[in-house]
Amino acid sequence: MLELLHELLPSVRIVALLVNPTDPANAEENDFDGVFKKLTEMRAGALIIGGDALFTSYGEQLGALAIRHGVPAFYKGREFAAAGGLIAYGSDIADSYRVVGNYTGRVLKGEKPADLPVQRATKIQLIINFKTAKALGITIPLPVSGRADEVIE
């Protein structure tokens, strides 16, 4: 994701990373407005949001806050880009569900889970929100837009 960010915003020197320091099951407060205000104070040129379940459930809110605060933001979920985030870059959730479904079927047919190979996502999606890019004054280079699986205009 940092490589992609550098391709789009080569002059950015301060990149913020939003992570959840606690277990999402115990998170009681989600002061994302405060987070974005702090980004402005820090003069962060971009934001990468860590792949945490807490952020997935607030993807739309984070995308909307990113566009409202004028912060080029990157996250893994499509709903984030659709809500105003600049880039969504991560595994295709439907592809992941297919893998889980195949594993479940194999176990139900009698295979031992310990005998099944470990798999991880092989299909990574790049979704670019061109409307957000335009609002932020960012020109998406052709080599980056050409790699996009989806473009939101």
N, C-alpha and C. Protein backbone atom coordinates (compact mmCIF):
# COMPACT_ATOMS: atom_id res chain seq x y z
N MET A 1 0.82 -1.19 0.00
CA MET A 1 0.00 0.00 0.00
C MET A 1 0.87 1.26 0.00
N LEU A 2 1.99 1.19 0.72
CA LEU A 2 2.90 2.35 0.72
C LEU A 2 3.47 2.60 -0.67
N GLU A 3 3.77 1.54 -1.39
CA GLU A 3 4.28 1.70 -2.75
C GLU A 3 3.25 2.39 -3.64
N LEU A 4 2.01 1.98 -3.52
CA LEU A 4 0.93 2.59 -4.29
C LEU A 4 0.75 4.06 -3.89
N LEU A 5 0.79 4.32 -2.60
CA LEU A 5 0.68 5.70 -2.12
C LEU A 5 1.80 6.55 -2.69
N HIS A 6 3.02 6.02 -2.70
CA HIS A 6 4.16 6.78 -3.23
C HIS A 6 4.02 7.04 -4.73
N GLU A 7 3.45 6.09 -5.46
CA GLU A 7 3.21 6.31 -6.90
C GLU A 7 2.24 7.45 -7.12
N LEU A 8 1.22 7.54 -6.27
CA LEU A 8 0.20 8.59 -6.43
C LEU A 8 0.63 9.93 -5.85
N LEU A 9 1.31 9.88 -4.73
CA LEU A 9 1.64 11.11 -4.00
C LEU A 9 3.13 11.12 -3.64
N PRO A 10 4.00 11.25 -4.64
CA PRO A 10 5.44 11.14 -4.37
C PRO A 10 6.00 12.23 -3.45
N SER A 11 5.32 13.35 -3.33
CA SER A 11 5.85 14.44 -2.49
C SER A 11 5.42 14.33 -1.04
N VAL A 12 4.51 13.40 -0.72
CA VAL A 12 4.05 13.26 0.67
C VAL A 12 5.17 12.70 1.53
N ARG A 13 5.43 13.37 2.63
CA ARG A 13 6.49 12.94 3.55
C ARG A 13 5.95 12.45 4.88
N ILE A 14 4.73 12.85 5.24
CA ILE A 14 4.12 12.39 6.49
C ILE A 14 2.89 11.56 6.16
N VAL A 15 2.96 10.29 6.51
CA VAL A 15 1.85 9.37 6.27
C VAL A 15 1.40 8.85 7.64
N ALA A 16 0.14 9.01 7.94
CA ALA A 16 -0.40 8.51 9.19
C ALA A 16 -0.92 7.10 8.98
N LEU A 17 -0.83 6.29 10.03
CA LEU A 17 -1.35 4.93 10.01
C LEU A 17 -2.35 4.81 11.15
N LEU A 18 -3.58 4.48 10.81
CA LEU A 18 -4.62 4.31 11.81
C LEU A 18 -4.71 2.84 12.17
N VAL A 19 -4.41 2.52 13.43
CA VAL A 19 -4.49 1.14 13.91
C VAL A 19 -5.36 1.11 15.16
N ASN A 20 -5.88 -0.05 15.45
CA ASN A 20 -6.69 -0.25 16.64
C ASN A 20 -5.81 -0.87 17.72
N PRO A 21 -5.45 -0.12 18.76
CA PRO A 21 -4.55 -0.66 19.78
C PRO A 21 -5.23 -1.63 20.75
N THR A 22 -6.54 -1.77 20.63
CA THR A 22 -7.26 -2.67 21.53
C THR A 22 -8.02 -3.71 20.73
N ASP A 23 -8.47 -4.71 21.39
CA ASP A 23 -9.31 -5.72 20.75
C ASP A 23 -10.62 -5.07 20.33
N PRO A 24 -11.02 -5.23 19.05
CA PRO A 24 -12.24 -4.57 18.59
C PRO A 24 -13.48 -4.97 19.40
N ALA A 25 -13.45 -6.12 20.00
CA ALA A 25 -14.60 -6.55 20.80
C ALA A 25 -14.74 -5.70 22.06
N ASN A 26 -13.62 -5.09 22.48
CA ASN A 26 -13.64 -4.26 23.69
C ASN A 26 -13.70 -2.77 23.40
N ALA A 27 -13.67 -2.41 22.12
CA ALA A 27 -13.66 -0.98 21.77
C ALA A 27 -15.01 -0.37 22.11
N GLU A 28 -14.97 0.65 22.96
CA GLU A 28 -16.21 1.29 23.40
C GLU A 28 -16.45 2.62 22.70
N GLU A 29 -15.39 3.24 22.29
CA GLU A 29 -15.55 4.57 21.68
C GLU A 29 -14.78 4.62 20.37
N ASN A 30 -15.41 5.18 19.37
CA ASN A 30 -14.80 5.29 18.06
C ASN A 30 -14.80 6.75 17.64
N ASP A 31 -13.88 7.51 18.19
CA ASP A 31 -13.80 8.94 17.94
C ASP A 31 -13.04 9.21 16.65
N PHE A 32 -13.63 8.81 15.54
CA PHE A 32 -12.95 9.00 14.26
C PHE A 32 -12.90 10.47 13.86
N ASP A 33 -13.87 11.27 14.30
CA ASP A 33 -13.79 12.72 14.03
C ASP A 33 -12.52 13.29 14.66
N GLY A 34 -12.23 12.88 15.88
CA GLY A 34 -11.02 13.33 16.57
C GLY A 34 -9.75 12.88 15.86
N VAL A 35 -9.79 11.67 15.31
CA VAL A 35 -8.63 11.14 14.57
C VAL A 35 -8.34 12.03 13.37
N PHE A 36 -9.37 12.39 12.63
CA PHE A 36 -9.16 13.20 11.43
C PHE A 36 -8.74 14.62 11.77
N LYS A 37 -9.21 15.15 12.89
CA LYS A 37 -8.74 16.47 13.33
C LYS A 37 -7.25 16.41 13.68
N LYS A 38 -6.84 15.33 14.31
CA LYS A 38 -5.43 15.14 14.67
C LYS A 38 -4.56 15.03 13.42
N LEU A 39 -5.08 14.38 12.38
CA LEU A 39 -4.33 14.28 11.12
C LEU A 39 -4.02 15.66 10.55
N THR A 40 -4.99 16.55 10.65
CA THR A 40 -4.80 17.92 10.17
C THR A 40 -3.72 18.61 10.99
N GLU A 41 -3.76 18.44 12.31
CA GLU A 41 -2.75 19.03 13.19
C GLU A 41 -1.36 18.49 12.86
N MET A 42 -1.28 17.20 12.54
CA MET A 42 0.00 16.55 12.23
C MET A 42 0.51 16.91 10.83
N ARG A 43 -0.38 17.50 10.03
CA ARG A 43 -0.08 17.81 8.63
C ARG A 43 0.26 16.55 7.83
N ALA A 44 -0.50 15.50 8.14
CA ALA A 44 -0.32 14.24 7.42
C ALA A 44 -0.77 14.42 5.98
N GLY A 45 0.05 13.96 5.05
CA GLY A 45 -0.28 14.08 3.64
C GLY A 45 -1.15 12.95 3.13
N ALA A 46 -1.27 11.89 3.93
CA ALA A 46 -2.09 10.75 3.55
C ALA A 46 -2.33 9.88 4.78
N LEU A 47 -3.29 9.00 4.65
CA LEU A 47 -3.66 8.09 5.74
C LEU A 47 -3.82 6.68 5.19
N ILE A 48 -3.18 5.74 5.87
CA ILE A 48 -3.41 4.32 5.60
C ILE A 48 -4.13 3.76 6.82
N ILE A 49 -5.23 3.09 6.58
CA ILE A 49 -6.04 2.53 7.67
C ILE A 49 -5.73 1.04 7.76
N GLY A 50 -5.30 0.61 8.94
CA GLY A 50 -4.94 -0.79 9.16
C GLY A 50 -6.12 -1.72 8.95
N GLY A 51 -5.82 -2.95 8.57
CA GLY A 51 -6.85 -3.94 8.28
C GLY A 51 -7.40 -4.57 9.55
N ASP A 52 -8.29 -3.91 10.21
CA ASP A 52 -8.86 -4.36 11.48
C ASP A 52 -10.37 -4.45 11.35
N ALA A 53 -10.96 -5.41 12.03
CA ALA A 53 -12.41 -5.59 11.96
C ALA A 53 -13.17 -4.34 12.39
N LEU A 54 -12.62 -3.60 13.35
CA LEU A 54 -13.27 -2.36 13.79
C LEU A 54 -13.41 -1.39 12.62
N PHE A 55 -12.36 -1.25 11.83
CA PHE A 55 -12.40 -0.30 10.72
C PHE A 55 -13.29 -0.79 9.59
N THR A 56 -13.36 -2.10 9.41
CA THR A 56 -14.24 -2.65 8.38
C THR A 56 -15.68 -2.28 8.67
N SER A 57 -16.07 -2.37 9.93
CA SER A 57 -17.46 -2.06 10.27
C SER A 57 -17.76 -0.56 10.20
N TYR A 58 -16.73 0.27 10.14
CA TYR A 58 -16.92 1.72 10.02
C TYR A 58 -16.35 2.25 8.71
N GLY A 59 -16.22 1.38 7.71
CA GLY A 59 -15.62 1.76 6.43
C GLY A 59 -16.29 2.93 5.77
N GLU A 60 -17.62 2.94 5.75
CA GLU A 60 -18.34 4.05 5.12
C GLU A 60 -18.11 5.36 5.86
N GLN A 61 -18.14 5.31 7.18
CA GLN A 61 -17.92 6.52 7.98
C GLN A 61 -16.49 7.05 7.76
N LEU A 62 -15.52 6.15 7.73
CA LEU A 62 -14.13 6.56 7.52
C LEU A 62 -13.94 7.17 6.13
N GLY A 63 -14.57 6.58 5.13
CA GLY A 63 -14.49 7.13 3.78
C GLY A 63 -15.08 8.52 3.70
N ALA A 64 -16.23 8.71 4.34
CA ALA A 64 -16.88 10.02 4.34
C ALA A 64 -16.03 11.06 5.09
N LEU A 65 -15.43 10.65 6.20
CA LEU A 65 -14.58 11.57 6.95
C LEU A 65 -13.33 11.94 6.16
N ALA A 66 -12.78 10.99 5.44
CA ALA A 66 -11.58 11.26 4.63
C ALA A 66 -11.86 12.33 3.60
N ILE A 67 -12.99 12.21 2.92
CA ILE A 67 -13.31 13.21 1.89
C ILE A 67 -13.66 14.55 2.54
N ARG A 68 -14.37 14.52 3.66
CA ARG A 68 -14.74 15.77 4.34
C ARG A 68 -13.52 16.54 4.84
N HIS A 69 -12.50 15.80 5.30
CA HIS A 69 -11.29 16.45 5.82
C HIS A 69 -10.20 16.61 4.77
N GLY A 70 -10.48 16.18 3.55
CA GLY A 70 -9.52 16.36 2.47
C GLY A 70 -8.25 15.54 2.62
N VAL A 71 -8.39 14.34 3.18
CA VAL A 71 -7.23 13.48 3.41
C VAL A 71 -7.25 12.32 2.41
N PRO A 72 -6.21 12.18 1.59
CA PRO A 72 -6.13 11.00 0.73
C PRO A 72 -5.96 9.77 1.62
N ALA A 73 -6.94 8.88 1.59
CA ALA A 73 -6.93 7.74 2.50
C ALA A 73 -7.04 6.43 1.75
N PHE A 74 -6.36 5.42 2.29
CA PHE A 74 -6.28 4.10 1.70
C PHE A 74 -6.77 3.08 2.72
N TYR A 75 -7.61 2.15 2.24
CA TYR A 75 -8.09 1.06 3.09
C TYR A 75 -8.41 -0.12 2.20
N LYS A 76 -8.73 -1.24 2.79
CA LYS A 76 -8.91 -2.46 2.00
C LYS A 76 -10.30 -2.67 1.44
N GLY A 77 -11.33 -2.09 2.02
CA GLY A 77 -12.70 -2.42 1.63
C GLY A 77 -13.30 -1.54 0.56
N ARG A 78 -14.05 -2.13 -0.36
CA ARG A 78 -14.69 -1.40 -1.44
C ARG A 78 -15.64 -0.32 -0.92
N GLU A 79 -16.38 -0.64 0.15
CA GLU A 79 -17.33 0.34 0.69
C GLU A 79 -16.63 1.61 1.13
N PHE A 80 -15.37 1.50 1.51
CA PHE A 80 -14.58 2.66 1.90
C PHE A 80 -14.37 3.59 0.71
N ALA A 81 -13.95 3.04 -0.41
CA ALA A 81 -13.74 3.85 -1.61
C ALA A 81 -15.07 4.42 -2.11
N ALA A 82 -16.12 3.64 -2.04
CA ALA A 82 -17.43 4.11 -2.49
C ALA A 82 -17.93 5.27 -1.64
N ALA A 83 -17.52 5.33 -0.37
CA ALA A 83 -17.97 6.39 0.53
C ALA A 83 -17.09 7.63 0.49
N GLY A 84 -16.01 7.61 -0.31
CA GLY A 84 -15.19 8.80 -0.42
C GLY A 84 -13.71 8.58 -0.17
N GLY A 85 -13.33 7.38 0.25
CA GLY A 85 -11.91 7.08 0.38
C GLY A 85 -11.26 7.08 -0.99
N LEU A 86 -10.00 7.40 -1.07
CA LEU A 86 -9.34 7.50 -2.36
C LEU A 86 -9.08 6.12 -2.99
N ILE A 87 -8.53 5.22 -2.20
CA ILE A 87 -8.13 3.91 -2.72
C ILE A 87 -8.60 2.81 -1.78
N ALA A 88 -9.13 1.76 -2.37
CA ALA A 88 -9.36 0.51 -1.64
C ALA A 88 -8.44 -0.52 -2.28
N TYR A 89 -7.63 -1.15 -1.46
CA TYR A 89 -6.66 -2.11 -1.98
C TYR A 89 -6.57 -3.26 -0.99
N GLY A 90 -7.08 -4.40 -1.39
CA GLY A 90 -7.05 -5.55 -0.51
C GLY A 90 -7.68 -6.77 -1.16
N SER A 91 -7.76 -7.81 -0.38
CA SER A 91 -8.28 -9.06 -0.92
C SER A 91 -9.76 -8.93 -1.28
N ASP A 92 -10.15 -9.67 -2.28
CA ASP A 92 -11.54 -9.71 -2.74
C ASP A 92 -12.32 -10.57 -1.75
N ILE A 93 -13.24 -9.97 -1.03
CA ILE A 93 -13.97 -10.68 0.02
C ILE A 93 -14.79 -11.84 -0.54
N ALA A 94 -15.35 -11.67 -1.72
CA ALA A 94 -16.12 -12.76 -2.33
C ALA A 94 -15.21 -13.95 -2.63
N ASP A 95 -14.00 -13.68 -3.08
CA ASP A 95 -13.03 -14.74 -3.34
C ASP A 95 -12.68 -15.46 -2.04
N SER A 96 -12.51 -14.71 -0.97
CA SER A 96 -12.21 -15.31 0.34
C SER A 96 -13.36 -16.20 0.81
N TYR A 97 -14.59 -15.77 0.59
CA TYR A 97 -15.74 -16.59 0.98
C TYR A 97 -15.79 -17.88 0.18
N ARG A 98 -15.41 -17.83 -1.09
CA ARG A 98 -15.37 -19.05 -1.91
C ARG A 98 -14.38 -20.06 -1.34
N VAL A 99 -13.21 -19.57 -0.92
CA VAL A 99 -12.20 -20.46 -0.33
C VAL A 99 -12.75 -21.10 0.95
N VAL A 100 -13.40 -20.29 1.78
CA VAL A 100 -13.99 -20.81 3.02
C VAL A 100 -15.07 -21.85 2.70
N GLY A 101 -15.88 -21.55 1.70
CA GLY A 101 -16.93 -22.50 1.30
C GLY A 101 -16.35 -23.81 0.80
N ASN A 102 -15.28 -23.74 0.02
CA ASN A 102 -14.63 -24.96 -0.46
C ASN A 102 -14.05 -25.78 0.70
N TYR A 103 -13.42 -25.11 1.64
CA TYR A 103 -12.87 -25.80 2.81
C TYR A 103 -13.99 -26.47 3.60
N THR A 104 -15.08 -25.74 3.80
CA THR A 104 -16.20 -26.29 4.55
C THR A 104 -16.74 -27.53 3.86
N GLY A 105 -16.90 -27.46 2.56
CA GLY A 105 -17.37 -28.61 1.80
C GLY A 105 -16.45 -29.81 1.94
N ARG A 106 -15.16 -29.58 1.90
CA ARG A 106 -14.20 -30.67 2.02
C ARG A 106 -14.27 -31.32 3.40
N VAL A 107 -14.42 -30.50 4.44
CA VAL A 107 -14.53 -31.02 5.81
C VAL A 107 -15.83 -31.81 5.95
N LEU A 108 -16.92 -31.28 5.41
CA LEU A 108 -18.20 -31.98 5.49
C LEU A 108 -18.19 -33.31 4.73
N LYS A 109 -17.32 -33.42 3.74
CA LYS A 109 -17.19 -34.67 2.98
C LYS A 109 -16.22 -35.65 3.64
N GLY A 110 -15.67 -35.25 4.81
CA GLY A 110 -14.85 -36.19 5.57
C GLY A 110 -13.37 -35.90 5.65
N GLU A 111 -12.88 -34.90 4.96
CA GLU A 111 -11.45 -34.59 5.06
C GLU A 111 -11.15 -33.99 6.43
N LYS A 112 -9.98 -34.29 6.94
CA LYS A 112 -9.57 -33.75 8.23
C LYS A 112 -9.03 -32.33 8.04
N PRO A 113 -9.48 -31.39 8.84
CA PRO A 113 -8.99 -30.01 8.71
C PRO A 113 -7.47 -29.91 8.79
N ALA A 114 -6.84 -30.74 9.61
CA ALA A 114 -5.38 -30.70 9.75
C ALA A 114 -4.67 -31.12 8.46
N ASP A 115 -5.36 -31.85 7.60
CA ASP A 115 -4.76 -32.31 6.35
C ASP A 115 -4.94 -31.31 5.21
N LEU A 116 -5.75 -30.30 5.42
CA LEU A 116 -6.00 -29.32 4.36
C LEU A 116 -4.87 -28.29 4.32
N PRO A 117 -4.47 -27.88 3.13
CA PRO A 117 -3.40 -26.89 3.03
C PRO A 117 -3.87 -25.51 3.50
N VAL A 118 -2.94 -24.75 3.99
CA VAL A 118 -3.23 -23.37 4.39
C VAL A 118 -3.32 -22.54 3.11
N GLN A 119 -4.34 -21.74 3.01
CA GLN A 119 -4.50 -20.88 1.85
C GLN A 119 -4.72 -19.46 2.31
N ARG A 120 -4.37 -18.55 1.44
CA ARG A 120 -4.64 -17.14 1.70
C ARG A 120 -5.16 -16.52 0.42
N ALA A 121 -5.63 -15.31 0.55
CA ALA A 121 -6.22 -14.64 -0.60
C ALA A 121 -5.21 -14.53 -1.74
N THR A 122 -5.68 -14.81 -2.92
CA THR A 122 -4.81 -14.70 -4.09
C THR A 122 -5.27 -13.59 -5.03
N LYS A 123 -6.50 -13.15 -4.86
CA LYS A 123 -7.02 -12.08 -5.71
C LYS A 123 -7.08 -10.79 -4.90
N ILE A 124 -6.31 -9.83 -5.34
CA ILE A 124 -6.27 -8.53 -4.67
C ILE A 124 -6.96 -7.52 -5.59
N GLN A 125 -7.83 -6.70 -5.00
CA GLN A 125 -8.57 -5.70 -5.77
C GLN A 125 -7.98 -4.31 -5.53
N LEU A 126 -7.96 -3.54 -6.60
CA LEU A 126 -7.59 -2.12 -6.52
C LEU A 126 -8.78 -1.34 -7.03
N ILE A 127 -9.35 -0.54 -6.14
CA ILE A 127 -10.51 0.29 -6.49
C ILE A 127 -10.12 1.75 -6.24
N ILE A 128 -10.30 2.57 -7.26
CA ILE A 128 -9.91 3.98 -7.18
C ILE A 128 -11.15 4.85 -7.31
N ASN A 129 -11.28 5.80 -6.41
CA ASN A 129 -12.39 6.75 -6.46
C ASN A 129 -11.88 8.01 -7.17
N PHE A 130 -12.20 8.13 -8.46
CA PHE A 130 -11.74 9.27 -9.26
C PHE A 130 -12.42 10.56 -8.82
N LYS A 131 -13.64 10.46 -8.32
CA LYS A 131 -14.34 11.65 -7.84
C LYS A 131 -13.58 12.25 -6.64
N THR A 132 -13.13 11.38 -5.75
CA THR A 132 -12.35 11.83 -4.60
C THR A 132 -11.01 12.39 -5.05
N ALA A 133 -10.36 11.71 -5.99
CA ALA A 133 -9.08 12.20 -6.50
C ALA A 133 -9.22 13.61 -7.06
N LYS A 134 -10.28 13.83 -7.83
CA LYS A 134 -10.51 15.16 -8.40
C LYS A 134 -10.75 16.18 -7.30
N ALA A 135 -11.55 15.83 -6.30
CA ALA A 135 -11.84 16.75 -5.19
C ALA A 135 -10.58 17.11 -4.41
N LEU A 136 -9.63 16.17 -4.34
CA LEU A 136 -8.39 16.40 -3.60
C LEU A 136 -7.28 16.98 -4.49
N GLY A 137 -7.57 17.16 -5.78
CA GLY A 137 -6.57 17.70 -6.69
C GLY A 137 -5.47 16.70 -7.03
N ILE A 138 -5.81 15.42 -7.01
CA ILE A 138 -4.83 14.37 -7.29
C ILE A 138 -5.07 13.81 -8.68
N THR A 139 -4.02 13.75 -9.45
CA THR A 139 -4.09 13.14 -10.78
C THR A 139 -3.62 11.69 -10.64
N ILE A 140 -4.47 10.78 -11.05
CA ILE A 140 -4.12 9.36 -10.98
C ILE A 140 -3.32 9.01 -12.23
N PRO A 141 -2.06 8.60 -12.07
CA PRO A 141 -1.26 8.24 -13.24
C PRO A 141 -1.87 7.05 -13.98
N LEU A 142 -1.70 7.05 -15.30
CA LEU A 142 -2.25 5.99 -16.13
C LEU A 142 -1.77 4.60 -15.70
N PRO A 143 -0.50 4.41 -15.35
CA PRO A 143 -0.08 3.07 -14.92
C PRO A 143 -0.83 2.57 -13.68
N VAL A 144 -1.25 3.48 -12.81
CA VAL A 144 -2.02 3.09 -11.62
C VAL A 144 -3.47 2.83 -12.00
N SER A 145 -4.08 3.76 -12.73
CA SER A 145 -5.49 3.57 -13.11
C SER A 145 -5.66 2.35 -14.01
N GLY A 146 -4.64 2.04 -14.81
CA GLY A 146 -4.70 0.87 -15.67
C GLY A 146 -4.72 -0.45 -14.91
N ARG A 147 -4.22 -0.43 -13.68
CA ARG A 147 -4.22 -1.64 -12.84
C ARG A 147 -5.50 -1.79 -12.03
N ALA A 148 -6.34 -0.77 -12.04
CA ALA A 148 -7.55 -0.79 -11.21
C ALA A 148 -8.54 -1.85 -11.67
N ASP A 149 -9.12 -2.55 -10.72
CA ASP A 149 -10.18 -3.50 -10.99
C ASP A 149 -11.51 -2.78 -11.15
N GLU A 150 -11.61 -1.62 -10.49
CA GLU A 150 -12.84 -0.82 -10.56
C GLU A 150 -12.47 0.63 -10.37
N VAL A 151 -13.18 1.50 -11.09
CA VAL A 151 -13.01 2.93 -10.97
C VAL A 151 -14.36 3.52 -10.62
N ILE A 152 -14.38 4.33 -9.57
CA ILE A 152 -15.62 5.01 -9.16
C ILE A 152 -15.53 6.43 -9.67
N GLU A 153 -16.52 6.83 -10.49
CA GLU A 153 -16.49 8.18 -11.07
C GLU A 153 -17.66 9.00 -10.62
